[in-house]
N, C-alpha and C. Protein backbone atom coordinates (compact mmCIF):
# COMPACT_ATOMS: atom_id res chain seq x y z
N MET A 1 -121.22 86.20 31.29
CA MET A 1 -121.84 86.16 29.96
C MET A 1 -121.39 85.36 29.06
N THR A 2 -122.27 84.76 28.46
CA THR A 2 -121.94 83.94 27.24
C THR A 2 -120.92 84.10 26.44
N GLN A 3 -119.83 83.64 25.82
CA GLN A 3 -118.95 83.96 25.03
C GLN A 3 -118.92 82.60 23.82
N ARG A 4 -118.99 82.96 22.73
CA ARG A 4 -119.04 82.37 21.48
C ARG A 4 -117.38 81.96 21.02
N ILE A 5 -117.15 80.74 20.99
CA ILE A 5 -115.79 80.58 20.98
C ILE A 5 -115.56 79.35 19.82
N LEU A 6 -114.81 79.43 18.91
CA LEU A 6 -114.67 78.53 17.85
C LEU A 6 -113.22 78.26 17.89
N PHE A 7 -112.63 76.70 17.88
CA PHE A 7 -111.42 76.09 17.58
C PHE A 7 -111.49 75.55 16.41
N VAL A 8 -110.22 76.11 15.70
CA VAL A 8 -109.88 75.46 14.25
C VAL A 8 -108.27 75.07 14.26
N CYS A 9 -108.77 73.80 13.50
CA CYS A 9 -107.34 73.05 13.18
C CYS A 9 -107.20 72.76 11.68
N LEU A 10 -106.58 71.91 11.20
CA LEU A 10 -106.31 71.63 9.59
C LEU A 10 -107.62 70.80 9.10
N GLY A 11 -107.78 69.43 9.80
CA GLY A 11 -109.05 68.64 9.18
C GLY A 11 -110.23 68.85 9.88
N ASN A 12 -110.42 69.28 10.99
CA ASN A 12 -111.45 69.03 12.13
C ASN A 12 -111.56 67.60 12.68
N ILE A 13 -110.63 66.73 12.96
CA ILE A 13 -110.88 65.36 13.22
C ILE A 13 -110.43 65.41 14.63
N CYS A 14 -109.03 66.14 14.98
CA CYS A 14 -108.15 65.43 16.03
C CYS A 14 -108.50 66.97 17.12
N ARG A 15 -107.31 67.91 16.80
CA ARG A 15 -107.30 68.93 17.73
C ARG A 15 -108.33 70.12 18.08
N SER A 16 -108.91 70.20 16.96
CA SER A 16 -110.08 71.32 17.00
C SER A 16 -111.18 70.58 17.90
N PRO A 17 -111.54 69.71 17.63
CA PRO A 17 -112.70 68.81 18.09
C PRO A 17 -112.20 68.44 19.67
N ALA A 18 -111.14 68.18 19.88
CA ALA A 18 -110.67 67.76 21.30
C ALA A 18 -110.57 69.42 22.06
N ALA A 19 -110.22 70.38 21.49
CA ALA A 19 -110.16 71.57 22.44
C ALA A 19 -111.54 71.93 22.65
N GLU A 20 -112.48 71.64 21.47
CA GLU A 20 -113.80 72.03 21.89
C GLU A 20 -114.59 71.05 23.02
N GLY A 21 -113.98 69.90 23.18
CA GLY A 21 -114.91 69.00 23.93
C GLY A 21 -114.08 69.15 25.44
N VAL A 22 -112.87 69.46 25.33
CA VAL A 22 -112.10 69.93 26.72
C VAL A 22 -112.95 71.20 27.15
N PHE A 23 -113.10 72.34 26.36
CA PHE A 23 -113.62 73.27 26.95
C PHE A 23 -114.82 73.35 27.30
N ARG A 24 -115.87 72.70 26.14
CA ARG A 24 -117.16 72.49 26.81
C ARG A 24 -117.21 71.53 28.04
N ALA A 25 -116.62 70.77 28.54
CA ALA A 25 -116.83 70.31 29.35
C ALA A 25 -116.25 70.97 30.54
N ARG A 26 -115.51 71.91 30.60
CA ARG A 26 -114.95 72.90 31.84
C ARG A 26 -115.76 73.92 31.87
N ALA A 27 -116.30 74.62 30.77
CA ALA A 27 -117.08 75.56 30.66
C ALA A 27 -118.27 75.40 30.00
N PRO A 28 -119.26 75.06 30.31
CA PRO A 28 -120.25 74.62 29.56
C PRO A 28 -121.73 75.83 29.09
N HIS A 29 -121.14 76.58 29.90
CA HIS A 29 -122.02 78.02 29.78
C HIS A 29 -121.53 78.85 28.56
N HIS A 30 -120.58 78.57 27.89
CA HIS A 30 -120.05 78.95 26.67
C HIS A 30 -120.59 78.24 25.47
N GLN A 31 -120.85 78.87 24.54
CA GLN A 31 -121.21 78.24 22.99
C GLN A 31 -120.16 78.03 22.38
N THR A 32 -119.96 76.97 21.95
CA THR A 32 -118.76 76.04 21.37
C THR A 32 -118.90 75.54 19.67
N ASP A 33 -117.76 75.75 19.31
CA ASP A 33 -117.93 74.96 17.82
C ASP A 33 -116.34 74.63 17.71
N SER A 34 -116.27 73.98 16.64
CA SER A 34 -114.97 73.47 15.91
C SER A 34 -114.95 73.58 14.41
N ALA A 35 -114.03 74.10 14.00
CA ALA A 35 -113.74 73.98 12.17
C ALA A 35 -112.31 73.32 11.72
N GLY A 36 -112.21 72.96 10.64
CA GLY A 36 -110.90 73.14 10.00
C GLY A 36 -110.73 73.84 8.81
N THR A 37 -109.84 73.94 8.34
CA THR A 37 -109.28 75.10 7.61
C THR A 37 -109.63 74.33 6.10
N ALA A 38 -109.34 72.90 6.16
CA ALA A 38 -109.29 72.11 5.05
C ALA A 38 -110.93 71.35 5.42
N GLY A 39 -111.32 71.10 3.97
CA GLY A 39 -112.76 70.23 4.15
C GLY A 39 -112.66 68.78 4.14
N TRP A 40 -111.27 68.27 3.82
CA TRP A 40 -111.43 66.83 3.61
C TRP A 40 -112.34 65.90 4.45
N HIS A 41 -112.61 65.97 5.71
CA HIS A 41 -113.16 65.29 6.55
C HIS A 41 -114.55 65.64 7.06
N VAL A 42 -115.18 66.65 6.03
CA VAL A 42 -116.27 67.22 6.38
C VAL A 42 -117.58 66.19 6.76
N GLY A 43 -118.32 66.47 7.81
CA GLY A 43 -119.23 65.31 8.24
C GLY A 43 -119.11 64.15 8.81
N ASN A 44 -117.32 63.88 9.08
CA ASN A 44 -117.14 62.80 10.05
C ASN A 44 -116.97 63.21 11.03
N PRO A 45 -116.91 62.02 12.17
CA PRO A 45 -116.60 62.23 13.62
C PRO A 45 -115.28 62.54 13.75
N PRO A 46 -114.72 62.93 15.13
CA PRO A 46 -113.35 63.06 15.18
C PRO A 46 -112.84 61.48 14.96
N TYR A 47 -111.24 61.77 14.75
CA TYR A 47 -110.49 60.44 14.51
C TYR A 47 -110.68 59.61 15.77
N GLY A 48 -110.83 58.47 15.50
CA GLY A 48 -111.18 57.30 16.55
C GLY A 48 -110.02 57.43 17.94
N PRO A 49 -109.04 57.11 17.16
CA PRO A 49 -107.69 57.39 18.50
C PRO A 49 -108.09 58.73 19.39
N MET A 50 -108.34 59.69 18.77
CA MET A 50 -108.37 61.05 19.32
C MET A 50 -109.75 60.89 20.26
N GLN A 51 -110.70 60.32 19.88
CA GLN A 51 -112.09 59.94 20.74
C GLN A 51 -111.27 59.01 21.85
N GLN A 52 -110.88 57.93 21.41
CA GLN A 52 -110.53 57.37 22.72
C GLN A 52 -109.78 57.72 23.79
N ALA A 53 -108.51 58.49 23.21
CA ALA A 53 -107.67 59.39 24.16
C ALA A 53 -108.82 60.43 24.78
N ALA A 54 -109.40 60.95 24.50
CA ALA A 54 -110.46 62.13 25.27
C ALA A 54 -111.52 61.19 26.10
N ARG A 55 -111.79 60.07 25.95
CA ARG A 55 -112.68 59.31 26.74
C ARG A 55 -112.11 58.84 28.11
N ALA A 56 -110.82 58.58 27.78
CA ALA A 56 -110.37 58.10 28.56
C ALA A 56 -109.84 59.24 30.12
N ARG A 57 -110.20 60.35 29.55
CA ARG A 57 -110.00 61.77 30.19
C ARG A 57 -111.72 62.04 30.54
N ASP A 58 -112.61 61.11 30.33
CA ASP A 58 -114.09 61.62 30.36
C ASP A 58 -114.53 62.93 29.52
N ILE A 59 -113.95 62.63 28.47
CA ILE A 59 -114.29 63.84 27.43
C ILE A 59 -115.16 63.04 26.19
N ASP A 60 -115.99 63.51 26.13
CA ASP A 60 -116.95 62.78 24.88
C ASP A 60 -117.27 63.86 23.58
N LEU A 61 -116.44 63.10 22.84
CA LEU A 61 -116.26 64.13 21.17
C LEU A 61 -117.36 63.30 20.22
N SER A 62 -118.02 62.02 20.52
CA SER A 62 -118.63 61.66 19.81
C SER A 62 -119.85 62.07 18.92
N ASP A 63 -120.68 63.30 19.62
CA ASP A 63 -121.36 64.24 18.95
C ASP A 63 -121.01 65.16 17.97
N LEU A 64 -119.79 65.13 17.65
CA LEU A 64 -119.36 66.10 16.87
C LEU A 64 -119.03 65.75 15.64
N ARG A 65 -119.33 66.56 14.66
CA ARG A 65 -119.05 66.39 12.98
C ARG A 65 -118.10 67.50 12.39
N ALA A 66 -117.09 66.91 11.72
CA ALA A 66 -116.26 68.21 11.00
C ALA A 66 -116.85 69.07 10.10
N ARG A 67 -116.19 70.22 10.10
CA ARG A 67 -116.91 71.24 9.17
C ARG A 67 -116.02 72.23 8.81
N GLN A 68 -115.84 72.73 7.53
CA GLN A 68 -114.61 73.78 7.28
C GLN A 68 -115.33 74.88 7.66
N PHE A 69 -113.83 75.74 8.08
CA PHE A 69 -114.18 76.97 8.37
C PHE A 69 -114.57 77.95 7.29
N VAL A 70 -115.57 78.69 7.52
CA VAL A 70 -116.02 79.74 6.39
C VAL A 70 -115.92 81.34 7.16
N ALA A 71 -115.73 82.25 6.04
CA ALA A 71 -115.57 83.39 6.63
C ALA A 71 -117.01 83.93 7.38
N GLU A 72 -118.02 83.51 7.40
CA GLU A 72 -118.76 84.10 7.94
C GLU A 72 -119.02 83.53 9.57
N ASP A 73 -118.13 82.68 9.75
CA ASP A 73 -117.56 82.27 11.39
C ASP A 73 -116.99 83.50 11.90
N PHE A 74 -116.27 84.51 11.08
CA PHE A 74 -115.92 85.70 12.08
C PHE A 74 -117.08 86.42 12.67
N HIS A 75 -118.27 86.58 11.95
CA HIS A 75 -119.72 86.97 12.36
C HIS A 75 -120.05 86.34 13.49
N ARG A 76 -119.99 85.27 13.52
CA ARG A 76 -120.85 84.19 14.18
C ARG A 76 -120.23 83.97 15.60
N PHE A 77 -118.87 84.08 16.00
CA PHE A 77 -117.64 83.96 17.03
C PHE A 77 -117.33 85.13 17.41
N ASP A 78 -117.13 85.43 18.84
CA ASP A 78 -116.41 86.20 19.48
C ASP A 78 -115.01 86.21 19.86
N LEU A 79 -114.50 84.72 19.85
CA LEU A 79 -113.39 84.53 19.74
C LEU A 79 -112.87 83.25 18.61
N ILE A 80 -111.91 83.34 17.80
CA ILE A 80 -111.44 82.39 17.27
C ILE A 80 -110.20 81.97 17.39
N ILE A 81 -109.71 80.54 17.58
CA ILE A 81 -108.42 79.79 18.24
C ILE A 81 -108.20 78.84 17.44
N GLY A 82 -107.06 79.04 16.65
CA GLY A 82 -106.25 78.17 15.87
C GLY A 82 -105.24 77.42 16.98
N MET A 83 -105.06 76.16 16.05
CA MET A 83 -104.05 74.99 16.64
C MET A 83 -102.65 75.27 16.58
N ASP A 84 -101.92 75.99 15.04
CA ASP A 84 -101.24 76.45 14.70
C ASP A 84 -101.17 77.46 13.79
N ALA A 85 -99.50 78.26 13.64
CA ALA A 85 -99.58 79.20 12.76
C ALA A 85 -100.28 79.02 11.41
N GLU A 86 -100.28 77.78 10.72
CA GLU A 86 -100.64 77.76 9.40
C GLU A 86 -102.33 78.02 9.49
N ASN A 87 -103.00 77.41 10.38
CA ASN A 87 -104.63 77.57 10.95
C ASN A 87 -104.76 78.85 10.74
N VAL A 88 -104.08 79.66 11.81
CA VAL A 88 -104.41 81.01 11.90
C VAL A 88 -104.07 82.16 10.57
N ALA A 89 -103.01 81.50 9.67
CA ALA A 89 -102.86 82.23 8.48
C ALA A 89 -104.24 81.76 7.67
N GLY A 90 -104.27 80.47 7.51
CA GLY A 90 -105.72 80.22 6.79
C GLY A 90 -107.07 80.90 7.34
N ILE A 91 -107.17 80.64 8.55
CA ILE A 91 -108.37 81.74 9.34
C ILE A 91 -108.14 83.28 8.66
N GLU A 92 -107.06 83.87 8.80
CA GLU A 92 -106.96 85.31 8.49
C GLU A 92 -107.24 85.66 6.85
N ALA A 93 -106.88 84.50 6.26
CA ALA A 93 -107.09 84.72 4.41
C ALA A 93 -108.59 84.94 4.27
N GLN A 94 -109.27 84.70 5.40
CA GLN A 94 -110.90 84.59 4.97
C GLN A 94 -111.65 85.73 5.56
N ARG A 95 -110.70 86.55 6.52
CA ARG A 95 -111.11 87.60 7.38
C ARG A 95 -111.88 88.80 6.42
N PRO A 96 -113.16 88.91 6.94
CA PRO A 96 -113.88 89.76 6.03
C PRO A 96 -113.54 91.62 6.21
N ASP A 97 -113.24 92.28 5.16
CA ASP A 97 -112.64 93.56 5.77
C ASP A 97 -113.61 94.23 6.77
N GLY A 98 -112.72 94.92 7.44
CA GLY A 98 -113.52 95.77 8.54
C GLY A 98 -113.86 95.07 9.92
N ASN A 99 -113.48 93.36 9.76
CA ASN A 99 -114.10 92.71 10.85
C ASN A 99 -112.64 92.66 12.00
N ASP A 100 -113.13 92.66 13.51
CA ASP A 100 -112.15 92.55 14.06
C ASP A 100 -112.12 91.44 15.28
N THR A 101 -112.81 90.70 14.81
CA THR A 101 -112.66 89.37 15.67
C THR A 101 -111.45 88.88 16.25
N PRO A 102 -111.25 88.55 17.49
CA PRO A 102 -109.61 88.11 17.80
C PRO A 102 -109.86 86.94 17.35
N VAL A 103 -108.36 86.41 16.80
CA VAL A 103 -107.76 85.42 16.05
C VAL A 103 -106.66 84.88 17.12
N ARG A 104 -106.75 83.95 17.73
CA ARG A 104 -105.38 83.52 18.66
C ARG A 104 -104.64 82.07 18.65
N LEU A 105 -103.92 81.98 18.75
CA LEU A 105 -103.33 80.55 19.00
C LEU A 105 -103.50 80.06 20.27
N LEU A 106 -104.16 78.52 20.48
CA LEU A 106 -104.30 78.33 21.76
C LEU A 106 -103.57 78.23 22.68
N THR A 107 -102.22 78.25 22.14
CA THR A 107 -101.19 78.09 23.09
C THR A 107 -100.75 79.28 23.61
N ASP A 108 -101.50 80.47 23.23
CA ASP A 108 -101.02 82.01 23.53
C ASP A 108 -101.72 81.74 25.05
N PHE A 109 -102.36 80.56 25.70
CA PHE A 109 -103.11 80.79 26.66
C PHE A 109 -102.38 79.85 27.78
N ALA A 110 -101.27 79.36 27.18
CA ALA A 110 -100.42 78.21 27.95
C ALA A 110 -99.18 78.64 27.83
N PRO A 111 -98.55 79.69 28.08
CA PRO A 111 -97.02 79.84 27.99
C PRO A 111 -96.23 79.51 28.56
N HIS A 112 -96.66 78.91 30.03
CA HIS A 112 -96.02 77.90 30.89
C HIS A 112 -95.42 76.66 30.13
N THR A 113 -96.27 76.52 29.14
CA THR A 113 -95.66 74.96 28.37
C THR A 113 -94.40 75.15 27.47
N GLY A 114 -94.47 76.47 26.99
CA GLY A 114 -93.05 76.56 26.04
C GLY A 114 -93.47 76.43 24.87
N ALA A 115 -94.54 75.86 24.55
CA ALA A 115 -95.08 75.64 23.28
C ALA A 115 -95.67 76.52 22.20
N ASP A 116 -95.44 76.52 21.02
CA ASP A 116 -95.79 77.91 20.29
C ASP A 116 -97.05 76.99 19.30
N HIS A 117 -97.12 75.87 19.58
CA HIS A 117 -98.47 75.41 18.61
C HIS A 117 -98.84 73.92 19.30
N VAL A 118 -100.09 73.50 18.84
CA VAL A 118 -100.60 72.03 19.49
C VAL A 118 -100.13 71.08 18.33
N PRO A 119 -99.40 70.38 18.32
CA PRO A 119 -98.89 69.31 17.21
C PRO A 119 -99.90 68.39 16.75
N ASP A 120 -100.00 67.99 15.68
CA ASP A 120 -101.14 67.69 14.97
C ASP A 120 -100.88 65.89 15.41
N PRO A 121 -101.64 65.21 16.22
CA PRO A 121 -101.39 64.19 16.63
C PRO A 121 -101.89 63.09 15.62
N TYR A 122 -102.74 63.59 14.65
CA TYR A 122 -102.76 62.76 13.55
C TYR A 122 -101.51 62.17 12.77
N TYR A 123 -100.52 63.11 12.79
CA TYR A 123 -99.61 63.11 12.38
C TYR A 123 -98.08 62.25 13.25
N THR A 124 -98.06 62.75 14.35
CA THR A 124 -97.03 62.15 15.63
C THR A 124 -97.65 61.24 16.63
N ARG A 125 -99.07 60.81 16.27
CA ARG A 125 -99.77 59.68 16.99
C ARG A 125 -99.71 60.27 18.66
N ASP A 126 -99.39 61.25 19.12
CA ASP A 126 -99.28 61.66 20.27
C ASP A 126 -100.30 62.12 20.73
N PHE A 127 -101.49 61.26 20.83
CA PHE A 127 -102.87 61.77 21.37
C PHE A 127 -103.06 62.47 22.79
N ASP A 128 -102.34 61.58 23.43
CA ASP A 128 -102.15 61.85 24.96
C ASP A 128 -101.70 63.37 25.34
N GLY A 129 -100.28 63.78 24.49
CA GLY A 129 -99.27 64.99 24.63
C GLY A 129 -100.16 65.82 24.12
N ALA A 130 -100.96 65.77 23.03
CA ALA A 130 -101.94 67.08 22.39
C ALA A 130 -103.18 67.02 23.65
N LEU A 131 -103.60 66.09 24.13
CA LEU A 131 -104.49 66.32 25.02
C LEU A 131 -104.11 67.09 26.30
N ASP A 132 -102.92 66.67 26.92
CA ASP A 132 -102.29 67.26 27.92
C ASP A 132 -101.94 69.00 27.33
N LEU A 133 -101.55 69.11 26.35
CA LEU A 133 -101.38 70.62 25.73
C LEU A 133 -102.51 71.27 25.90
N ILE A 134 -103.49 70.65 25.08
CA ILE A 134 -105.05 71.74 25.10
C ILE A 134 -105.57 71.85 26.55
N GLU A 135 -105.24 70.83 27.23
CA GLU A 135 -106.28 71.00 28.88
C GLU A 135 -105.20 72.24 29.56
N ALA A 136 -103.88 72.27 29.15
CA ALA A 136 -103.31 73.27 29.86
C ALA A 136 -103.70 74.90 29.42
N ALA A 137 -103.69 74.80 27.79
CA ALA A 137 -104.23 76.23 27.13
C ALA A 137 -105.86 76.28 27.47
N VAL A 138 -106.64 75.49 27.85
CA VAL A 138 -108.03 75.63 27.84
C VAL A 138 -108.17 76.23 29.32
N GLU A 139 -107.41 75.95 30.64
CA GLU A 139 -107.31 76.43 31.57
C GLU A 139 -107.00 77.85 31.69
N GLY A 140 -106.00 78.14 30.97
CA GLY A 140 -105.68 79.53 30.66
C GLY A 140 -106.82 80.35 29.98
N LEU A 141 -107.40 79.75 28.80
CA LEU A 141 -108.38 80.26 28.27
C LEU A 141 -109.56 80.67 29.26
N GLU A 142 -109.65 79.83 29.77
CA GLU A 142 -110.87 80.23 31.12
C GLU A 142 -110.54 81.43 32.16
N GLY A 143 -109.37 81.45 32.24
CA GLY A 143 -108.96 82.87 32.88
C GLY A 143 -109.00 83.75 32.22
N TYR A 144 -108.72 83.54 31.23
CA TYR A 144 -108.81 85.13 30.13
C TYR A 144 -110.37 85.46 29.88
N LEU A 145 -110.99 84.80 29.65
CA LEU A 145 -112.19 85.18 29.38
C LEU A 145 -113.00 85.29 30.80
N GLN A 146 -112.48 85.08 31.73
CA GLN A 146 -112.97 85.77 33.08
C GLN A 146 -112.77 87.04 33.31
N GLY A 147 -111.39 87.15 32.61
CA GLY A 147 -110.82 88.44 32.85
C GLY A 147 -111.36 89.33 32.03
N ARG A 148 -112.16 89.20 30.68
CA ARG A 148 -112.37 89.99 29.77
C ARG A 148 -114.14 90.10 30.17
N LEU A 149 -114.66 89.43 31.19
CA LEU A 149 -116.09 89.47 31.14
C LEU A 149 -116.47 90.62 31.96
């Protein structure tokens, strides 16, 4: 069964497009998208250093473009995944009354890492560290989805 998964970070140029790219490379049968809670980068491709780090792992992000999260996303996706608690709060602030679409932290799917969020490499400059964490969490997400199907 195909699931519709949305990955969300702040600007939609580093973490969420990387998570989308990693997930779609591993599970291309699912529908994916990514968005940001802020609209600063709408229409822009993922940040160059993130694209380079992903490309080194054979993950192509070049076709992705930033967009802002909107309340309608609750109706378009089966699962919405935030990169940190602030992203989740921004998502939840737009939840329509009566909507029950699950919203989770990506790191919920990688408890063995001890991480409670994916640090933003735009600020930390640790693109490889963010990708390591994203890859671990995506592996856990795949298992979670297999259990839900």
